[in-house]
Amino acid sequence: MSRPPRKESILELAKLMDATVHVKCLGGREIEGTLKGYDELVNLVLEDCEEYLRDPEDHEKITDKKRKLGLVVVRGTQVSLVSPQEGVEEIANPFLVAEEEEEVLG
């Protein structure tokens, strides 16, 4: 019996091997580390990993403070975003501007 063709992953994590990546997890945790391995289920192995800490006053807000975690395995079921750290910059949310304009006009 022949096997169905293997699906290609939409993530091209091979390009990010040994690079620093930023990972957002379900539940809001954000971590950063060097990608050392992964599998087809997007389980990740991160070396020299650090977690961004939350603001004690507002648990929805992430601060610039970090804590060292070391070598970490992140289950693929918890991963919502993997992005390279190099070349990433934060931009203003265009939807917030539209909402503010609606409030003024409304």
C-alpha atoms as a PDB file:
ATOM      1  CA  MET A   1       0.000   0.000   0.000  1.00  0.00           C
ATOM      2  CA  SER A   2       1.442   3.385  -0.945  1.00  0.00           C
ATOM      3  CA  ARG A   3       1.671   6.214   1.531  1.00  0.00           C
ATOM      4  CA  PRO A   4       0.116   9.608   0.814  1.00  0.00           C
ATOM      5  CA  PRO A   5       2.603  12.297  -0.145  1.00  0.00           C
ATOM      6  CA  ARG A   6       4.221  13.954   2.860  1.00  0.00           C
ATOM      7  CA  LYS A   7       2.904  17.439   3.552  1.00  0.00           C
ATOM      8  CA  GLU A   8       5.421  20.252   3.506  1.00  0.00           C
ATOM      9  CA  SER A   9       5.390  22.415   6.600  1.00  0.00           C
ATOM     10  CA  ILE A  10       4.283  25.995   6.041  1.00  0.00           C
ATOM     11  CA  LEU A  11       6.978  27.034   8.506  1.00  0.00           C
ATOM     12  CA  GLU A  12      10.467  27.140   7.111  1.00  0.00           C
ATOM     13  CA  LEU A  13      12.235  26.635  10.406  1.00  0.00           C
ATOM     14  CA  ALA A  14      15.340  25.174   8.755  1.00  0.00           C
ATOM     15  CA  LYS A  15      16.289  28.734   7.739  1.00  0.00           C
ATOM     16  CA  LEU A  16      16.163  29.778  11.407  1.00  0.00           C
ATOM     17  CA  MET A  17      18.412  27.017  12.790  1.00  0.00           C
ATOM     18  CA  ASP A  18      21.099  28.451  15.106  1.00  0.00           C
ATOM     19  CA  ALA A  19      19.455  31.894  14.886  1.00  0.00           C
ATOM     20  CA  THR A  20      17.787  33.779  17.713  1.00  0.00           C
ATOM     21  CA  VAL A  21      13.995  33.468  17.483  1.00  0.00           C
ATOM     22  CA  HIS A  22      11.131  35.095  19.339  1.00  0.00           C
ATOM     23  CA  VAL A  23       8.321  32.679  20.241  1.00  0.00           C
ATOM     24  CA  LYS A  24       4.827  33.667  21.365  1.00  0.00           C
ATOM     25  CA  CYS A  25       2.900  30.936  23.132  1.00  0.00           C
ATOM     26  CA  LEU A  26      -0.765  30.383  23.823  1.00  0.00           C
ATOM     27  CA  GLY A  27      -1.605  32.000  27.130  1.00  0.00           C
ATOM     28  CA  GLY A  28       0.598  35.006  26.395  1.00  0.00           C
ATOM     29  CA  ARG A  29       4.094  33.839  27.344  1.00  0.00           C
ATOM     30  CA  GLU A  30       6.878  35.219  25.162  1.00  0.00           C
ATOM     31  CA  ILE A  31      10.327  33.666  25.016  1.00  0.00           C
ATOM     32  CA  GLU A  32      13.496  34.198  23.042  1.00  0.00           C
ATOM     33  CA  GLY A  33      16.362  31.810  22.379  1.00  0.00           C
ATOM     34  CA  THR A  34      18.597  30.129  19.825  1.00  0.00           C
ATOM     35  CA  LEU A  35      16.700  27.557  17.754  1.00  0.00           C
ATOM     36  CA  LYS A  36      18.580  24.260  18.040  1.00  0.00           C
ATOM     37  CA  GLY A  37      15.949  21.831  16.812  1.00  0.00           C
ATOM     38  CA  TYR A  38      12.327  21.261  15.802  1.00  0.00           C
ATOM     39  CA  ASP A  39      10.057  18.583  14.393  1.00  0.00           C
ATOM     40  CA  GLU A  40       6.988  18.390  12.147  1.00  0.00           C
ATOM     41  CA  LEU A  41       4.717  19.098  15.137  1.00  0.00           C
ATOM     42  CA  VAL A  42       6.581  22.403  15.731  1.00  0.00           C
ATOM     43  CA  ASN A  43       8.026  21.187  19.015  1.00  0.00           C
ATOM     44  CA  LEU A  44      10.987  23.529  19.459  1.00  0.00           C
ATOM     45  CA  VAL A  45      14.328  23.202  21.249  1.00  0.00           C
ATOM     46  CA  LEU A  46      15.689  26.597  22.291  1.00  0.00           C
ATOM     47  CA  GLU A  47      19.120  27.187  23.836  1.00  0.00           C
ATOM     48  CA  ASP A  48      20.039  30.168  26.040  1.00  0.00           C
ATOM     49  CA  CYS A  49      16.334  30.865  26.355  1.00  0.00           C
ATOM     50  CA  GLU A  50      14.903  33.866  28.198  1.00  0.00           C
ATOM     51  CA  GLU A  51      11.285  34.642  29.090  1.00  0.00           C
ATOM     52  CA  TYR A  52       9.890  38.168  28.955  1.00  0.00           C
ATOM     53  CA  LEU A  53       8.254  38.972  32.289  1.00  0.00           C
ATOM     54  CA  ARG A  54       4.805  40.490  32.689  1.00  0.00           C
ATOM     55  CA  ASP A  55       4.028  43.798  34.344  1.00  0.00           C
ATOM     56  CA  PRO A  56       2.891  43.053  37.937  1.00  0.00           C
ATOM     57  CA  GLU A  57       0.294  45.847  37.672  1.00  0.00           C
ATOM     58  CA  ASP A  58      -1.136  44.697  34.320  1.00  0.00           C
ATOM     59  CA  HIS A  59      -0.721  40.985  33.519  1.00  0.00           C
ATOM     60  CA  GLU A  60      -1.670  41.596  29.884  1.00  0.00           C
ATOM     61  CA  LYS A  61       1.433  43.755  29.370  1.00  0.00           C
ATOM     62  CA  ILE A  62       4.894  42.326  28.663  1.00  0.00           C
ATOM     63  CA  THR A  63       7.894  44.232  30.066  1.00  0.00           C
ATOM     64  CA  ASP A  64      11.489  44.465  28.857  1.00  0.00           C
ATOM     65  CA  LYS A  65      12.605  42.488  31.921  1.00  0.00           C
ATOM     66  CA  LYS A  66      13.680  38.906  31.274  1.00  0.00           C
ATOM     67  CA  ARG A  67      14.503  35.790  33.254  1.00  0.00           C
ATOM     68  CA  LYS A  68      16.950  33.140  32.087  1.00  0.00           C
ATOM     69  CA  LEU A  69      15.521  29.682  31.407  1.00  0.00           C
ATOM     70  CA  GLY A  70      18.478  27.960  29.702  1.00  0.00           C
ATOM     71  CA  LEU A  71      17.689  24.972  27.465  1.00  0.00           C
ATOM     72  CA  VAL A  72      13.946  24.710  26.804  1.00  0.00           C
ATOM     73  CA  VAL A  73      11.635  22.395  24.868  1.00  0.00           C
ATOM     74  CA  VAL A  74       8.434  24.152  23.780  1.00  0.00           C
ATOM     75  CA  ARG A  75       5.537  21.877  22.856  1.00  0.00           C
ATOM     76  CA  GLY A  76       4.198  22.604  19.402  1.00  0.00           C
ATOM     77  CA  THR A  77       0.628  22.766  20.716  1.00  0.00           C
ATOM     78  CA  GLN A  78       1.625  25.878  22.696  1.00  0.00           C
ATOM     79  CA  VAL A  79       3.378  27.746  19.862  1.00  0.00           C
ATOM     80  CA  SER A  80       1.359  30.506  18.188  1.00  0.00           C
ATOM     81  CA  LEU A  81       4.203  32.486  16.553  1.00  0.00           C
ATOM     82  CA  VAL A  82       7.858  31.928  15.689  1.00  0.00           C
ATOM     83  CA  SER A  83       9.757  34.862  14.251  1.00  0.00           C
ATOM     84  CA  PRO A  84      13.410  35.659  13.678  1.00  0.00           C
ATOM     85  CA  GLN A  85      14.757  38.199  16.142  1.00  0.00           C
ATOM     86  CA  GLU A  86      17.037  39.748  13.516  1.00  0.00           C
ATOM     87  CA  GLY A  87      15.246  42.272  11.309  1.00  0.00           C
ATOM     88  CA  VAL A  88      12.070  42.483  13.400  1.00  0.00           C
ATOM     89  CA  GLU A  89      10.701  45.830  14.488  1.00  0.00           C
ATOM     90  CA  GLU A  90       7.483  46.852  16.206  1.00  0.00           C
ATOM     91  CA  ILE A  91       5.101  49.071  14.254  1.00  0.00           C
ATOM     92  CA  ALA A  92       2.094  51.100  15.355  1.00  0.00           C
ATOM     93  CA  ASN A  93      -1.205  49.220  15.284  1.00  0.00           C
ATOM     94  CA  PRO A  94      -3.162  50.728  12.332  1.00  0.00           C
ATOM     95  CA  PHE A  95      -6.464  49.455  13.773  1.00  0.00           C
ATOM     96  CA  LEU A  96      -6.081  51.535  16.935  1.00  0.00           C
ATOM     97  CA  VAL A  97      -5.905  54.701  14.827  1.00  0.00           C
ATOM     98  CA  ALA A  98      -9.117  53.726  13.005  1.00  0.00           C
ATOM     99  CA  GLU A  99     -10.900  53.051  16.327  1.00  0.00           C
ATOM    100  CA  GLU A 100      -9.797  56.417  17.743  1.00  0.00           C
ATOM    101  CA  GLU A 101     -11.069  58.201  14.616  1.00  0.00           C
ATOM    102  CA  GLU A 102     -14.436  56.400  14.917  1.00  0.00           C
ATOM    103  CA  GLU A 103     -14.751  57.526  18.541  1.00  0.00           C
ATOM    104  CA  VAL A 104     -14.061  61.132  17.552  1.00  0.00           C
ATOM    105  CA  LEU A 105     -16.456  61.023  14.600  1.00  0.00           C
ATOM    106  CA  GLY A 106     -19.077  58.821  16.326  1.00  0.00           C
END
